[in-house]
N, C-alpha and C. Protein backbone atom coordinates (compact mmCIF):
# COMPACT_ATOMS: atom_id res chain seq x y z
N MET A 1 121.95 -62.13 45.48
CA MET A 1 120.54 -62.71 45.40
C MET A 1 120.06 -63.44 46.56
N GLU A 2 120.67 -64.18 47.44
CA GLU A 2 119.78 -65.07 48.72
C GLU A 2 119.60 -63.73 49.70
N ASP A 3 120.22 -62.82 49.59
CA ASP A 3 119.66 -61.65 50.89
C ASP A 3 118.54 -61.18 50.46
N VAL A 4 117.93 -61.30 49.24
CA VAL A 4 116.70 -60.97 48.94
C VAL A 4 115.11 -62.13 48.59
N PHE A 5 116.34 -63.23 48.72
CA PHE A 5 115.10 -64.24 48.24
C PHE A 5 114.37 -64.68 49.61
N VAL A 6 113.38 -65.17 48.92
CA VAL A 6 112.09 -65.06 50.16
C VAL A 6 111.62 -66.84 49.80
N PRO A 7 112.25 -67.60 50.55
CA PRO A 7 112.29 -69.35 50.39
C PRO A 7 110.21 -69.69 50.82
N GLU A 8 109.78 -69.01 51.27
CA GLU A 8 108.47 -68.91 51.67
C GLU A 8 107.82 -69.21 50.07
N VAL A 9 107.71 -68.32 49.36
CA VAL A 9 107.18 -68.13 48.16
C VAL A 9 108.23 -68.21 47.10
N ASN A 10 109.54 -68.59 47.25
CA ASN A 10 110.43 -68.37 45.85
C ASN A 10 110.32 -67.56 45.38
N CYS A 11 110.64 -66.17 45.80
CA CYS A 11 110.66 -65.00 45.04
C CYS A 11 111.32 -64.05 45.74
N PHE A 12 111.48 -63.09 45.08
CA PHE A 12 112.59 -62.14 45.48
C PHE A 12 111.78 -60.29 46.23
N ASP A 13 112.32 -60.21 47.19
CA ASP A 13 111.66 -58.98 47.57
C ASP A 13 112.60 -57.80 48.03
N GLU A 14 112.24 -56.58 47.18
CA GLU A 14 113.24 -55.53 46.74
C GLU A 14 112.79 -54.69 48.32
N GLY A 15 112.63 -55.14 49.41
CA GLY A 15 112.19 -54.10 50.67
C GLY A 15 110.84 -53.79 50.60
N GLY A 16 109.83 -54.19 49.97
CA GLY A 16 108.45 -53.58 50.19
C GLY A 16 107.64 -54.82 50.09
N SER A 17 106.50 -54.19 49.87
CA SER A 17 105.75 -55.58 49.69
C SER A 17 105.76 -56.35 48.10
N ALA A 18 106.30 -55.94 47.17
CA ALA A 18 106.21 -56.34 45.92
C ALA A 18 107.01 -57.56 45.84
N ARG A 19 106.70 -58.53 44.98
CA ARG A 19 107.71 -59.42 44.55
C ARG A 19 107.78 -59.41 43.27
N PHE A 20 109.23 -59.74 42.91
CA PHE A 20 109.66 -59.55 41.76
C PHE A 20 110.02 -60.89 41.01
N GLY A 21 110.11 -61.03 39.73
CA GLY A 21 110.74 -62.25 39.15
C GLY A 21 112.06 -62.30 38.78
N LEU A 22 112.71 -61.14 38.48
CA LEU A 22 114.12 -61.16 38.25
C LEU A 22 114.61 -62.02 37.30
N ALA A 23 113.76 -62.03 35.99
CA ALA A 23 114.27 -63.04 35.31
C ALA A 23 115.68 -62.70 34.95
N PRO A 24 116.11 -61.69 34.46
CA PRO A 24 117.70 -61.41 33.82
C PRO A 24 118.63 -61.82 34.56
N SER A 25 118.41 -61.58 36.39
CA SER A 25 118.94 -62.43 37.06
C SER A 25 118.97 -63.89 37.31
N LEU A 26 118.28 -64.04 36.92
CA LEU A 26 117.78 -65.77 37.10
C LEU A 26 118.57 -66.07 36.04
N ASP A 27 118.34 -65.79 34.72
CA ASP A 27 119.10 -66.06 33.75
C ASP A 27 120.54 -66.32 34.03
N ALA A 28 121.38 -65.21 34.36
CA ALA A 28 122.47 -65.08 34.78
C ALA A 28 122.79 -66.26 35.99
N MET A 29 122.31 -66.40 36.86
CA MET A 29 122.32 -67.41 37.87
C MET A 29 122.41 -68.71 37.27
N LEU A 30 121.29 -69.16 36.60
CA LEU A 30 121.39 -70.64 35.81
C LEU A 30 122.70 -70.82 34.76
N ARG A 31 122.50 -69.90 34.09
CA ARG A 31 123.73 -69.65 32.97
C ARG A 31 125.22 -70.20 33.63
N ALA A 32 125.41 -69.58 34.41
CA ALA A 32 126.98 -69.65 35.41
C ALA A 32 126.81 -70.85 36.25
N GLY A 33 125.55 -71.23 36.45
CA GLY A 33 125.55 -72.76 37.51
C GLY A 33 125.38 -72.27 39.16
N VAL A 34 124.93 -71.04 39.41
CA VAL A 34 125.28 -70.56 40.77
C VAL A 34 124.00 -70.58 41.26
N GLY A 35 123.66 -70.83 42.21
CA GLY A 35 122.55 -70.47 42.77
C GLY A 35 121.34 -71.59 42.09
N CYS A 36 121.69 -72.37 41.04
CA CYS A 36 120.34 -73.36 40.37
C CYS A 36 119.61 -73.73 41.26
N LYS A 37 119.45 -74.31 42.25
CA LYS A 37 118.44 -74.81 43.04
C LYS A 37 116.98 -73.64 43.29
N MET A 38 118.08 -72.37 43.89
CA MET A 38 117.00 -71.18 44.22
C MET A 38 116.46 -70.80 42.60
N GLY A 39 117.43 -70.38 41.98
CA GLY A 39 117.08 -69.90 40.36
C GLY A 39 116.17 -70.72 39.61
N LEU A 40 115.75 -72.21 39.99
CA LEU A 40 114.66 -72.85 39.72
C LEU A 40 113.11 -72.63 39.88
N ALA A 41 113.51 -72.94 41.19
CA ALA A 41 112.28 -72.18 42.17
C ALA A 41 111.85 -70.78 41.62
N ALA A 42 112.56 -70.05 41.98
CA ALA A 42 112.05 -68.51 41.83
C ALA A 42 111.50 -68.51 40.22
N LEU A 43 111.84 -69.33 39.37
CA LEU A 43 111.60 -69.62 38.01
C LEU A 43 109.87 -69.92 38.00
N ASP A 44 110.03 -71.50 38.52
CA ASP A 44 108.81 -72.08 38.96
C ASP A 44 107.85 -70.70 39.59
N CYS A 45 108.28 -70.18 40.08
CA CYS A 45 107.18 -68.97 40.78
C CYS A 45 106.75 -68.72 39.92
N VAL A 46 107.52 -67.67 38.82
CA VAL A 46 107.02 -66.85 38.16
C VAL A 46 106.07 -66.88 36.93
N VAL A 47 106.43 -68.40 36.90
CA VAL A 47 105.14 -69.26 35.72
C VAL A 47 104.04 -69.90 36.06
N THR A 48 103.66 -69.87 37.74
CA THR A 48 102.75 -70.51 38.37
C THR A 48 102.09 -69.40 39.37
N SER A 49 102.43 -68.22 39.49
CA SER A 49 102.04 -67.43 40.40
C SER A 49 100.92 -66.49 39.69
N GLY A 50 100.75 -65.52 40.39
CA GLY A 50 100.02 -64.33 40.00
C GLY A 50 100.57 -63.78 38.61
N MET A 51 102.31 -63.52 39.01
CA MET A 51 102.83 -63.02 37.76
C MET A 51 102.91 -63.67 36.88
N SER A 52 102.16 -64.64 36.45
CA SER A 52 102.08 -65.29 35.00
C SER A 52 100.60 -64.90 34.39
N ASP A 53 100.11 -64.05 33.37
CA ASP A 53 99.10 -64.15 32.68
C ASP A 53 98.41 -65.22 32.42
N HIS A 54 97.34 -65.85 33.19
CA HIS A 54 97.05 -67.27 32.29
C HIS A 54 96.24 -66.80 31.31
N VAL A 55 95.37 -65.85 31.27
CA VAL A 55 94.72 -65.55 30.23
C VAL A 55 95.15 -65.22 28.78
N GLY A 56 96.13 -63.87 28.87
CA GLY A 56 96.98 -63.81 27.56
C GLY A 56 98.13 -64.25 27.37
N GLY A 57 98.59 -65.24 28.38
CA GLY A 57 100.01 -65.85 28.30
C GLY A 57 100.94 -64.77 28.58
N GLY A 58 102.22 -65.16 29.00
CA GLY A 58 103.27 -64.19 29.27
C GLY A 58 103.28 -63.74 30.59
N VAL A 59 104.09 -62.82 30.98
CA VAL A 59 104.07 -62.97 32.58
C VAL A 59 103.91 -61.07 32.90
N PHE A 60 103.45 -60.60 33.93
CA PHE A 60 103.43 -59.74 34.65
C PHE A 60 104.53 -59.01 35.09
N ARG A 61 105.09 -57.85 35.22
CA ARG A 61 105.98 -56.89 35.85
C ARG A 61 106.16 -57.75 37.15
N TYR A 62 105.39 -57.90 38.20
CA TYR A 62 105.34 -57.81 39.55
C TYR A 62 104.55 -58.07 40.14
N CYS A 63 104.55 -58.73 41.21
CA CYS A 63 103.08 -58.50 41.96
C CYS A 63 103.09 -57.38 43.16
N VAL A 64 101.93 -57.09 43.51
CA VAL A 64 102.14 -56.08 44.67
C VAL A 64 101.61 -56.62 45.87
N ASP A 65 101.56 -58.07 46.08
CA ASP A 65 101.29 -58.47 47.52
C ASP A 65 102.39 -59.41 47.60
N PRO A 66 102.85 -59.94 48.80
CA PRO A 66 103.75 -60.35 49.41
C PRO A 66 103.46 -62.24 49.27
N ASP A 67 102.33 -62.24 48.82
CA ASP A 67 101.77 -63.88 48.87
C ASP A 67 101.68 -64.34 46.92
N ILE A 68 102.38 -63.34 46.19
CA ILE A 68 102.04 -63.36 44.62
C ILE A 68 101.25 -63.90 44.06
N ARG A 69 100.07 -63.35 44.32
CA ARG A 69 98.37 -63.84 43.95
C ARG A 69 97.88 -62.39 43.20
N GLU A 70 98.26 -61.22 43.06
CA GLU A 70 97.88 -60.29 42.41
C GLU A 70 98.62 -59.33 42.42
N PRO A 71 98.53 -59.35 40.77
CA PRO A 71 99.89 -58.92 39.68
C PRO A 71 99.51 -57.53 39.47
N HIS A 72 100.52 -56.90 39.55
CA HIS A 72 100.55 -55.13 39.16
C HIS A 72 100.23 -55.54 37.35
N PHE A 73 99.25 -54.96 36.94
CA PHE A 73 98.85 -55.39 35.73
C PHE A 73 99.49 -54.14 34.62
N GLU A 74 100.54 -54.80 34.65
CA GLU A 74 101.39 -54.04 33.46
C GLU A 74 102.54 -55.14 32.76
N LYS A 75 102.54 -55.40 31.68
CA LYS A 75 103.33 -56.39 30.39
C LYS A 75 104.40 -55.45 30.25
N MET A 76 105.61 -56.02 29.98
CA MET A 76 106.59 -55.76 29.02
C MET A 76 107.65 -56.28 28.32
N LEU A 77 108.03 -55.45 27.16
CA LEU A 77 108.42 -56.63 26.23
C LEU A 77 109.57 -57.08 26.69
N MET A 78 110.34 -55.99 27.39
CA MET A 78 111.57 -56.63 27.95
C MET A 78 111.89 -58.09 28.90
N ASP A 79 110.78 -57.81 29.99
CA ASP A 79 109.94 -58.92 30.81
C ASP A 79 109.64 -60.34 30.51
N GLN A 80 109.24 -59.87 28.80
CA GLN A 80 108.31 -61.49 28.33
C GLN A 80 110.12 -62.10 27.74
N ALA A 81 110.41 -61.29 26.91
CA ALA A 81 112.14 -61.71 26.19
C ALA A 81 112.91 -62.19 27.32
N SER A 82 113.08 -61.75 28.46
CA SER A 82 114.06 -62.37 29.19
C SER A 82 113.22 -63.30 30.33
N THR A 83 112.01 -63.50 30.43
CA THR A 83 111.39 -64.52 31.22
C THR A 83 111.72 -65.64 30.51
N ALA A 84 111.41 -65.30 28.76
CA ALA A 84 111.70 -66.78 27.86
C ALA A 84 113.06 -67.52 27.80
N LEU A 85 114.21 -66.32 27.89
CA LEU A 85 115.33 -66.87 27.92
C LEU A 85 115.94 -67.05 29.63
N ALA A 86 115.19 -66.90 30.25
CA ALA A 86 115.33 -67.85 31.79
C ALA A 86 114.97 -68.71 31.79
N LEU A 87 113.91 -69.09 31.16
CA LEU A 87 113.13 -70.41 30.96
C LEU A 87 113.55 -71.73 30.18
N SER A 88 114.41 -71.17 29.20
CA SER A 88 115.26 -71.41 28.33
C SER A 88 116.27 -72.15 29.09
N SER A 89 117.04 -71.11 30.07
CA SER A 89 118.21 -71.67 30.63
C SER A 89 117.72 -72.62 31.82
N GLY A 90 116.49 -72.46 32.40
CA GLY A 90 115.98 -73.35 33.21
C GLY A 90 116.09 -74.86 32.75
N TYR A 91 115.24 -75.14 31.15
CA TYR A 91 115.07 -76.30 30.72
C TYR A 91 116.81 -76.93 30.51
N CYS A 92 117.58 -75.80 30.10
CA CYS A 92 119.06 -76.71 29.90
C CYS A 92 119.60 -77.16 31.28
N VAL A 93 119.26 -76.29 32.57
CA VAL A 93 119.75 -77.04 33.76
C VAL A 93 119.56 -78.53 34.13
N ALA A 94 117.72 -78.40 34.07
CA ALA A 94 117.14 -79.22 34.79
C ALA A 94 116.27 -80.61 33.59
N ARG A 95 116.42 -79.96 32.10
CA ARG A 95 116.28 -81.38 31.27
C ARG A 95 114.56 -81.71 31.77
N ASP A 96 113.90 -80.80 32.42
CA ASP A 96 112.63 -81.40 32.73
C ASP A 96 111.40 -81.32 31.90
N PRO A 97 110.45 -82.04 31.21
CA PRO A 97 109.78 -81.88 30.01
C PRO A 97 108.62 -80.59 30.68
N THR A 98 108.44 -80.68 31.94
CA THR A 98 107.46 -79.53 32.02
C THR A 98 108.11 -78.09 32.10
N ARG A 99 109.09 -78.23 31.96
CA ARG A 99 109.67 -76.48 31.89
C ARG A 99 109.76 -76.14 30.52
N LYS A 100 110.44 -77.39 29.56
CA LYS A 100 110.43 -77.36 27.82
C LYS A 100 108.51 -76.98 27.60
N GLN A 101 107.51 -77.26 28.55
CA GLN A 101 106.08 -76.81 28.40
C GLN A 101 106.03 -75.82 28.24
N ARG A 102 106.41 -75.32 29.62
CA ARG A 102 106.49 -74.00 29.93
C ARG A 102 107.09 -72.71 29.01
N LEU A 103 108.31 -73.25 28.56
CA LEU A 103 108.70 -72.35 27.57
C LEU A 103 107.86 -71.52 26.40
N SER A 104 107.29 -73.05 25.75
CA SER A 104 106.50 -73.17 24.69
C SER A 104 105.49 -72.63 24.91
N HIS A 105 104.63 -72.10 26.37
CA HIS A 105 103.99 -71.33 26.54
C HIS A 105 104.40 -70.09 26.70
N ALA A 106 105.34 -69.56 26.78
CA ALA A 106 105.81 -68.18 27.24
C ALA A 106 105.65 -67.19 26.47
């Protein structure tokens, strides 16, 4: 995962300009205790960037720009569920009240 992680924006690049949250991978990293700092940073990016639907709640599938501001307006149930699981794992790792609050809005 480190080879596709973009630290400037705390997200993942799979070879193009699109940026992905990769919530299932983040959840697995956090549960395994591997790359927790990177995983938490990426999870924060998902819920605070253009991937987050600030109007209707939940998350968009990915962003189409490298700065993670313009979402691809597609929301899928599997992304909502995997993001909620990753947020839960993130809270268990960090025990940060802000993460708990984000989980309640996912």
